[in-house]
Amino acid sequence: ARHKVATLATMTKMRALVSVLVLSVCLPASLCLDNGLGRTPQMGWNSWNHYACNINENLIKATADAFITSGLSKFGYNYVNMDDCWALTRDDKGIVHEDPKAFPSGIKALADYVHAKGLKFGLYSDAGSKTCAGRPGSLQYETNDANTYAAWGVDYLKYDNCNNENISPEKRYPIMRNALNATGRHIFFSMCEWGQDNPATWAGAVGNSWRTTGDIKDTWASMLNNLDHNGVAADAGPGGWNDPDMLEVGNGGMTYNEEVAHFSLWSIVKAPLLIGCDVTTIEKNNQTLAILTNAEVIAINQDPLGKQATKVASVNGGDVWAGPLADKAVAVVLLNRNNSTMTIQANWTDLDVPPVNKYIVRDLWTHQNLGTFFGHFSASVPPHSVKALKLTPTQ
């Protein structure tokens, strides 16, 4: 009980700190996405990794319910996002319509249900003639679709890149940005052009996040590949984030240690924390729920400074990832990519901190202070595992 109280207190303080940030307004509106969103990486759920096209309104309602009953919403998870396959037709006026069998009550009613839970509702479309699953895309219908989404009460749009008629992303994505801006509704714009045209270098004026990689798979190798091909840290920050794709925690393809590593690494590189598993049964899986609700790790991801960590050292498959935090501390992840245990050392000189400083080192998974260290810290890390740490200066 004491740990739960401390956990929620940590999250409350974090949100209070974020709330005092002042938003820089872009003018004119057509030149940037001035929606005030994404001051920290988005948190929530997306249907694709677990369900693919097998979605319907009952599933989405049950997922929203589970956000509340499991306590996920208390830790900052607030977006309930449907991926591909909700749309079925476009009428002769250019208006998109949902699949009536899967969503008989309509999308607006579903959004209202999610909102009534105190959560936010997200949809998917594609910057092409068709979505990746062959449903109606938004290319040449951007204004129609943006207005429809706003009327339905949509809070989040994931915008994919299939069937794009060989038009560059730099031309297609700003059109939807402008259409969303023009609705007057603040809709989080999640760009999914797979890192095709190095979006980190230009998407900051277009979206709130941008995919930097292809689709993740539920394997250790795929997770590391997406981590290694994520965007440049300097191009991301409050308002716009590099996105190496959704979380696979809870889907069963990785071991517990690998899932802890996955969640720790996504948190330190300030990736979106979008759950990709079945949350309707998550209360029966204490291990998955414990990973996704580690408030000390989430706090690293949601730190208001918004500095994406980078790999600062690597020796024989043992990495040191590190980044600064708003309270002058440093977040560090020691990553063992290998199949055997190894000792990994983080040197203060690699962390870009004064070498004379002493730091209190805290393990973010055992929730224990490991002591005060000078110059460096080293730890034995099991195979396919991490040590996630917070280094706080003693003065």
Protein backbone atom coordinates (compact mmCIF):
# COMPACT_ATOMS: atom_id res chain seq x y z
CA ALA A 1 0.00 0.00 0.00
CA ARG A 2 2.85 2.37 0.84
CA HIS A 3 4.39 1.74 -2.60
CA LYS A 4 1.06 2.47 -4.31
CA VAL A 5 0.69 5.79 -2.47
CA ALA A 6 4.23 6.80 -3.37
CA THR A 7 3.62 5.78 -6.96
CA LEU A 8 0.51 7.92 -7.41
CA ALA A 9 2.12 10.84 -5.60
CA THR A 10 5.02 10.72 -8.04
CA MET A 11 2.65 10.84 -10.99
CA THR A 12 0.67 13.74 -9.49
CA LYS A 13 3.80 15.84 -8.97
CA MET A 14 4.98 15.05 -12.49
CA ARG A 15 1.71 16.19 -14.06
CA ALA A 16 1.71 19.37 -11.97
CA LEU A 17 5.20 20.23 -13.23
CA VAL A 18 4.20 19.60 -16.83
CA SER A 19 1.13 21.81 -16.48
CA VAL A 20 3.18 24.95 -15.84
CA LEU A 21 4.98 24.78 -19.18
CA VAL A 22 4.13 27.66 -21.49
CA LEU A 23 3.20 26.72 -25.06
CA SER A 24 4.92 28.55 -27.89
CA VAL A 25 2.27 29.54 -30.43
CA CYS A 26 3.09 29.23 -34.16
CA LEU A 27 1.71 31.78 -36.59
CA PRO A 28 0.25 31.49 -39.10
CA ALA A 29 -1.52 28.27 -38.18
CA SER A 30 -0.87 26.71 -41.58
CA LEU A 31 2.89 26.63 -40.89
CA CYS A 32 2.86 24.38 -37.83
CA LEU A 33 0.66 22.20 -35.70
CA ASP A 34 -0.25 24.69 -32.98
CA ASN A 35 -2.55 22.38 -31.05
CA GLY A 36 -0.84 22.56 -27.65
CA LEU A 37 -0.60 18.77 -27.43
CA GLY A 38 2.29 16.37 -26.93
CA ARG A 39 4.18 18.41 -24.37
CA THR A 40 5.28 14.99 -23.13
CA PRO A 41 5.13 11.74 -25.14
CA GLN A 42 1.61 10.42 -25.59
CA MET A 43 0.40 7.53 -23.44
CA GLY A 44 -2.46 5.19 -24.19
CA TRP A 45 -3.37 2.12 -26.22
CA ASN A 46 -3.62 1.14 -29.87
CA SER A 47 -5.52 -1.83 -31.24
CA TRP A 48 -3.22 -2.99 -34.05
CA ASN A 49 -0.44 -5.00 -32.37
CA HIS A 50 -2.84 -7.42 -30.70
CA TYR A 51 -6.06 -7.31 -32.75
CA ALA A 52 -5.08 -6.10 -36.24
CA CYS A 53 -8.40 -5.82 -38.15
CA ASN A 54 -10.45 -7.70 -35.57
CA ILE A 55 -11.96 -4.66 -33.85
CA ASN A 56 -15.49 -3.59 -32.96
CA GLU A 57 -17.26 -1.17 -30.66
CA ASN A 58 -17.65 -3.70 -27.83
CA LEU A 59 -13.90 -4.27 -27.76
CA ILE A 60 -13.18 -0.54 -27.63
CA LYS A 61 -15.71 -0.04 -24.83
CA ALA A 62 -14.24 -2.94 -22.87
CA THR A 63 -10.77 -1.48 -23.35
CA ALA A 64 -11.90 1.90 -22.04
CA ASP A 65 -13.51 0.17 -19.07
CA ALA A 66 -10.27 -1.70 -18.37
CA PHE A 67 -8.28 1.54 -18.34
CA ILE A 68 -10.31 2.52 -15.30
CA THR A 69 -10.68 -0.80 -13.47
CA SER A 70 -7.01 -1.75 -13.88
CA GLY A 71 -5.80 1.69 -12.79
CA LEU A 72 -3.94 2.36 -16.03
CA SER A 73 -5.58 5.77 -16.37
CA LYS A 74 -4.12 6.86 -13.02
CA PHE A 75 -0.63 6.40 -14.43
CA GLY A 76 -1.22 8.68 -17.42
CA TYR A 77 -2.57 6.29 -20.06
CA ASN A 78 -5.44 8.24 -21.55
CA TYR A 79 -5.70 7.67 -25.33
CA VAL A 80 -7.87 4.75 -26.53
CA ASN A 81 -6.95 4.49 -30.20
CA MET A 82 -8.50 2.37 -32.95
CA ASP A 83 -6.16 1.48 -35.78
CA ASP A 84 -7.01 0.35 -39.32
CA CYS A 85 -10.26 -1.39 -40.37
CA TRP A 86 -12.91 0.75 -38.68
CA ALA A 87 -13.86 2.56 -41.94
CA LEU A 88 -15.77 0.81 -44.72
CA THR A 89 -17.12 3.24 -47.33
CA ARG A 90 -17.03 6.80 -48.60
CA ASP A 91 -20.31 8.24 -49.92
CA ASP A 92 -20.91 10.37 -53.00
CA LYS A 93 -20.38 13.52 -50.94
CA GLY A 94 -16.94 12.34 -49.91
CA ILE A 95 -17.86 11.52 -46.31
CA VAL A 96 -16.26 8.46 -44.74
CA HIS A 97 -18.44 5.94 -42.89
CA GLU A 98 -17.66 3.24 -40.35
CA ASP A 99 -18.29 -0.47 -40.78
CA PRO A 100 -21.94 -0.74 -39.62
CA LYS A 101 -21.59 -4.33 -38.46
CA ALA A 102 -18.57 -3.67 -36.25
CA PHE A 103 -19.71 -0.23 -35.11
CA PRO A 104 -23.53 -0.23 -35.21
CA SER A 105 -23.81 2.68 -32.77
CA GLY A 106 -21.51 4.88 -34.86
CA ILE A 107 -18.13 6.42 -34.09
CA LYS A 108 -19.51 9.49 -32.32
CA ALA A 109 -21.39 7.34 -29.82
CA LEU A 110 -18.22 5.33 -29.24
CA ALA A 111 -16.16 8.48 -28.72
CA ASP A 112 -18.79 9.74 -26.27
CA TYR A 113 -18.51 6.48 -24.32
CA VAL A 114 -14.74 6.81 -24.06
CA HIS A 115 -15.01 10.48 -23.07
CA ALA A 116 -17.50 9.62 -20.34
CA LYS A 117 -14.73 7.55 -18.74
CA GLY A 118 -12.50 10.62 -18.61
CA LEU A 119 -10.37 9.26 -21.47
CA LYS A 120 -9.53 10.41 -25.00
CA PHE A 121 -10.50 8.74 -28.26
CA GLY A 122 -8.30 8.14 -31.30
CA LEU A 123 -8.82 7.03 -34.90
CA TYR A 124 -6.66 5.93 -37.81
CA SER A 125 -6.48 6.99 -41.42
CA ASP A 126 -3.96 7.01 -44.23
CA ALA A 127 -2.31 9.67 -46.38
CA GLY A 128 -3.12 7.59 -49.44
CA SER A 129 -6.04 6.53 -51.61
CA LYS A 130 -6.59 3.48 -49.38
CA THR A 131 -5.41 2.44 -45.94
CA CYS A 132 -2.91 -0.37 -45.51
CA ALA A 133 -5.85 -2.78 -45.11
CA GLY A 134 -7.60 -1.45 -48.21
CA ARG A 135 -10.17 0.76 -46.48
CA PRO A 136 -10.92 4.36 -47.58
CA GLY A 137 -7.87 6.60 -47.28
CA SER A 138 -7.83 10.37 -46.78
CA LEU A 139 -5.74 11.49 -49.76
CA GLN A 140 -7.71 14.29 -51.48
CA TYR A 141 -10.35 14.06 -48.73
CA GLU A 142 -8.33 15.65 -45.94
CA THR A 143 -10.75 18.50 -45.20
CA ASN A 144 -13.80 16.26 -45.29
CA ASP A 145 -12.21 13.72 -42.98
CA ALA A 146 -10.78 16.26 -40.53
CA ASN A 147 -14.20 17.89 -40.21
CA THR A 148 -15.83 14.49 -39.71
CA TYR A 149 -13.35 13.51 -37.03
CA ALA A 150 -13.84 16.81 -35.20
CA ALA A 151 -17.64 16.42 -35.33
CA TRP A 152 -17.31 12.94 -33.87
CA GLY A 153 -15.12 14.20 -31.01
CA VAL A 154 -11.89 12.52 -32.09
CA ASP A 155 -8.84 13.48 -30.01
CA TYR A 156 -6.05 11.65 -31.85
CA LEU A 157 -5.29 10.71 -35.45
CA LYS A 158 -2.74 8.12 -36.49
CA TYR A 159 -2.00 8.84 -40.15
CA ASP A 160 -0.40 6.02 -42.17
CA ASN A 161 1.52 5.98 -45.45
CA CYS A 162 0.16 3.19 -47.70
CA ASN A 163 -1.12 3.63 -51.26
CA ASN A 164 0.41 7.09 -51.40
CA GLU A 165 0.54 7.42 -55.21
CA ASN A 166 4.26 8.20 -54.99
CA ILE A 167 3.62 11.65 -53.57
CA SER A 168 6.26 12.59 -51.01
CA PRO A 169 5.29 12.63 -47.32
CA GLU A 170 6.47 16.23 -47.09
CA LYS A 171 3.65 17.20 -49.46
CA ARG A 172 0.89 14.92 -48.15
CA TYR A 173 1.16 15.22 -44.37
CA PRO A 174 0.99 19.04 -44.07
CA ILE A 175 -2.35 18.98 -45.92
CA MET A 176 -3.91 16.96 -43.12
CA ARG A 177 -2.16 19.13 -40.53
CA ASN A 178 -3.80 22.20 -42.03
CA ALA A 179 -7.18 20.47 -42.19
CA LEU A 180 -6.96 19.46 -38.52
CA ASN A 181 -5.93 22.97 -37.51
CA ALA A 182 -8.85 24.45 -39.41
CA THR A 183 -11.42 22.41 -37.46
CA GLY A 184 -10.63 24.30 -34.27
CA ARG A 185 -10.46 21.01 -32.35
CA HIS A 186 -7.18 20.00 -30.79
CA ILE A 187 -6.42 16.60 -32.33
CA PHE A 188 -3.10 14.90 -31.64
CA PHE A 189 -1.47 14.23 -35.03
CA SER A 190 0.55 11.00 -35.03
CA MET A 191 2.38 10.70 -38.34
CA CYS A 192 3.18 7.18 -39.51
CA GLU A 193 5.34 7.48 -42.61
CA TRP A 194 7.75 4.78 -41.33
CA GLY A 195 10.81 7.02 -41.34
CA GLN A 196 10.69 7.03 -45.13
CA ASP A 197 11.96 10.58 -45.66
CA ASN A 198 13.82 11.09 -42.35
CA PRO A 199 10.81 12.79 -40.73
CA ALA A 200 12.68 13.92 -37.64
CA THR A 201 14.29 16.62 -39.78
CA TRP A 202 11.02 18.17 -41.02
CA ALA A 203 8.01 16.78 -39.13
CA GLY A 204 8.37 19.00 -36.06
CA ALA A 205 6.29 21.63 -37.86
CA VAL A 206 3.72 19.07 -38.99
CA GLY A 207 2.92 16.47 -36.33
CA ASN A 208 3.02 15.75 -32.62
CA SER A 209 4.94 12.54 -33.25
CA TRP A 210 6.39 10.79 -36.27
CA ARG A 211 7.23 7.17 -36.85
CA THR A 212 10.94 6.72 -37.44
CA THR A 213 10.89 3.01 -38.27
CA GLY A 214 8.95 0.21 -39.88
CA ASP A 215 6.46 -1.81 -37.86
CA ILE A 216 7.71 -3.40 -34.67
CA LYS A 217 7.39 -7.15 -34.15
CA ASP A 218 7.04 -8.93 -30.83
CA THR A 219 10.68 -10.07 -30.69
CA TRP A 220 13.86 -8.95 -28.97
CA ALA A 221 15.61 -8.44 -32.33
CA SER A 222 12.83 -6.28 -33.77
CA MET A 223 12.61 -4.15 -30.65
CA LEU A 224 16.35 -3.46 -30.72
CA ASN A 225 16.27 -2.75 -34.45
CA ASN A 226 13.60 -0.09 -33.99
CA LEU A 227 15.50 1.39 -31.05
CA ASP A 228 18.68 1.61 -33.12
CA HIS A 229 16.90 3.28 -36.06
CA ASN A 230 14.96 5.81 -34.03
CA GLY A 231 15.31 9.49 -34.95
CA VAL A 232 17.99 11.94 -33.87
CA ALA A 233 17.46 13.11 -30.30
CA ALA A 234 18.03 16.78 -31.11
CA ASP A 235 15.05 16.78 -33.48
CA ALA A 236 12.54 15.75 -30.79
CA GLY A 237 11.15 17.45 -27.71
CA PRO A 238 8.00 18.92 -26.16
CA GLY A 239 5.33 19.08 -28.86
CA GLY A 240 6.91 16.54 -31.23
CA TRP A 241 8.45 13.12 -30.62
CA ASN A 242 10.39 10.44 -32.45
CA ASP A 243 8.25 7.29 -32.54
CA PRO A 244 9.92 3.85 -32.89
CA ASP A 245 6.43 2.25 -32.83
CA MET A 246 4.09 0.89 -30.20
CA LEU A 247 4.82 -1.29 -27.19
CA GLU A 248 4.74 -5.07 -27.42
CA VAL A 249 4.72 -5.60 -23.64
CA GLY A 250 2.14 -8.24 -22.73
CA ASN A 251 1.84 -9.90 -26.15
CA GLY A 252 3.94 -12.92 -25.21
CA GLY A 253 6.77 -12.83 -27.73
CA MET A 254 9.43 -11.63 -25.31
CA THR A 255 10.60 -12.78 -21.90
CA TYR A 256 9.91 -10.79 -18.76
CA ASN A 257 13.44 -9.34 -18.76
CA GLU A 258 13.13 -8.41 -22.42
CA GLU A 259 9.81 -6.65 -21.80
CA VAL A 260 11.33 -4.72 -18.88
CA ALA A 261 14.14 -3.69 -21.21
CA HIS A 262 11.65 -2.70 -23.93
CA PHE A 263 9.64 -0.50 -21.55
CA SER A 264 12.76 1.04 -19.98
CA LEU A 265 14.32 1.89 -23.33
CA TRP A 266 11.12 3.36 -24.79
CA SER A 267 10.78 5.47 -21.66
CA ILE A 268 14.32 6.87 -21.68
CA VAL A 269 14.26 7.74 -25.41
CA LYS A 270 10.96 9.58 -24.86
CA ALA A 271 9.02 7.31 -27.20
CA PRO A 272 5.22 7.26 -27.09
CA LEU A 273 4.00 4.74 -24.52
CA LEU A 274 1.16 3.15 -26.45
CA ILE A 275 0.15 -0.22 -25.04
CA GLY A 276 -0.33 -2.85 -27.73
CA CYS A 277 -1.70 -5.81 -25.79
CA ASP A 278 -5.14 -6.95 -24.61
CA VAL A 279 -5.87 -4.71 -21.62
CA THR A 280 -9.30 -6.23 -21.01
CA THR A 281 -7.55 -9.14 -19.26
CA ILE A 282 -4.56 -7.24 -17.91
CA GLU A 283 -5.75 -7.43 -14.29
CA LYS A 284 -5.16 -11.20 -14.51
CA ASN A 285 -1.56 -10.63 -15.59
CA ASN A 286 0.21 -8.99 -12.67
CA GLN A 287 3.56 -9.14 -14.45
CA THR A 288 2.42 -7.12 -17.47
CA LEU A 289 0.50 -4.64 -15.35
CA ALA A 290 3.49 -4.14 -13.06
CA ILE A 291 5.74 -3.32 -16.02
CA LEU A 292 3.29 -0.85 -17.57
CA THR A 293 2.58 0.91 -14.26
CA ASN A 294 6.10 1.43 -12.97
CA ALA A 295 5.68 5.08 -12.05
CA GLU A 296 9.40 5.73 -11.64
CA VAL A 297 10.11 4.60 -15.19
CA ILE A 298 7.06 6.42 -16.56
CA ALA A 299 8.33 9.60 -14.86
CA ILE A 300 11.52 9.37 -16.94
CA ASN A 301 9.42 9.24 -20.10
CA GLN A 302 7.14 12.08 -19.00
CA ASP A 303 9.89 14.33 -17.65
CA PRO A 304 9.01 17.90 -18.67
CA LEU A 305 12.51 18.68 -19.95
CA GLY A 306 11.72 16.31 -22.81
CA LYS A 307 15.30 15.39 -23.71
CA GLN A 308 15.55 12.10 -25.60
CA ALA A 309 18.33 9.89 -24.25
CA THR A 310 21.11 8.72 -26.53
CA LYS A 311 23.57 5.85 -26.56
CA VAL A 312 26.67 7.39 -24.99
CA ALA A 313 28.84 4.27 -24.78
CA SER A 314 28.89 0.70 -26.07
CA VAL A 315 31.41 -2.08 -25.46
CA ASN A 316 30.93 -5.62 -26.74
CA GLY A 317 27.14 -5.43 -26.77
CA GLY A 318 26.86 -3.60 -23.47
CA ASP A 319 25.29 -0.17 -24.02
CA VAL A 320 24.95 2.90 -21.83
CA TRP A 321 21.96 5.08 -22.72
CA ALA A 322 21.62 8.39 -20.88
CA GLY A 323 19.77 11.70 -20.89
CA PRO A 324 19.26 14.70 -18.60
CA LEU A 325 16.15 15.33 -16.51
CA ALA A 326 14.43 18.51 -15.41
CA ASP A 327 15.54 18.13 -11.78
CA LYS A 328 19.25 18.05 -12.79
CA ALA A 329 19.36 14.28 -12.39
CA VAL A 330 20.39 11.91 -15.16
CA ALA A 331 18.43 8.90 -16.44
CA VAL A 332 20.61 5.93 -17.38
CA VAL A 333 19.84 2.51 -18.86
CA LEU A 334 22.53 -0.17 -18.96
CA LEU A 335 21.54 -2.53 -21.79
CA ASN A 336 22.94 -6.02 -22.25
CA ARG A 337 22.24 -7.16 -25.82
CA ASN A 338 24.13 -10.42 -25.35
CA ASN A 339 23.17 -13.97 -24.41
CA SER A 340 25.29 -14.02 -21.25
CA THR A 341 25.60 -11.85 -18.17
CA MET A 342 28.06 -8.97 -18.38
CA THR A 343 29.24 -6.03 -16.29
CA ILE A 344 28.42 -2.64 -17.79
CA GLN A 345 29.93 0.60 -16.54
CA ALA A 346 28.57 4.11 -16.88
CA ASN A 347 31.33 6.71 -16.64
CA TRP A 348 30.47 10.24 -15.65
CA THR A 349 32.58 11.52 -18.55
CA ASP A 350 30.31 9.66 -20.96
CA LEU A 351 27.20 11.09 -19.27
CA ASP A 352 28.33 14.68 -19.95
CA VAL A 353 28.28 15.57 -16.25
CA PRO A 354 31.09 17.00 -14.12
CA PRO A 355 33.45 14.10 -13.27
CA VAL A 356 33.90 15.42 -9.72
CA ASN A 357 30.19 15.10 -8.90
CA LYS A 358 28.84 12.48 -6.55
CA TYR A 359 25.52 10.90 -7.49
CA ILE A 360 22.96 8.90 -5.58
CA VAL A 361 22.15 5.96 -7.87
CA ARG A 362 18.60 4.60 -7.71
CA ASP A 363 17.38 1.38 -9.31
CA LEU A 364 14.02 2.18 -10.92
CA TRP A 365 12.83 -1.43 -10.92
CA THR A 366 13.76 -2.47 -7.38
CA HIS A 367 12.84 1.03 -6.16
CA GLN A 368 15.97 1.15 -4.02
CA ASN A 369 18.87 3.56 -3.67
CA LEU A 370 22.08 1.66 -4.39
CA GLY A 371 24.41 4.17 -2.75
CA THR A 372 26.44 7.26 -3.58
CA PHE A 373 29.00 6.94 -6.36
CA PHE A 374 31.85 9.06 -7.70
CA GLY A 375 33.15 9.00 -11.28
CA HIS A 376 31.37 5.89 -12.46
CA PHE A 377 28.83 3.19 -11.66
CA SER A 378 28.91 -0.42 -12.82
CA ALA A 379 26.49 -3.32 -12.51
CA SER A 380 26.13 -6.93 -13.53
CA VAL A 381 23.35 -7.13 -16.10
CA PRO A 382 21.73 -10.47 -17.07
CA PRO A 383 21.38 -11.41 -20.75
CA HIS A 384 18.74 -9.52 -22.74
CA SER A 385 18.18 -7.24 -19.76
CA VAL A 386 18.69 -3.72 -18.46
CA LYS A 387 19.44 -1.79 -15.33
CA ALA A 388 17.31 1.36 -15.35
CA LEU A 389 18.75 4.02 -13.09
CA LYS A 390 18.32 7.58 -11.92
CA LEU A 391 21.45 9.46 -10.89
CA THR A 392 20.73 12.40 -8.57
CA PRO A 393 23.53 14.81 -7.62
CA THR A 394 24.25 15.02 -3.92
CA GLN A 395 24.41 18.82 -4.05
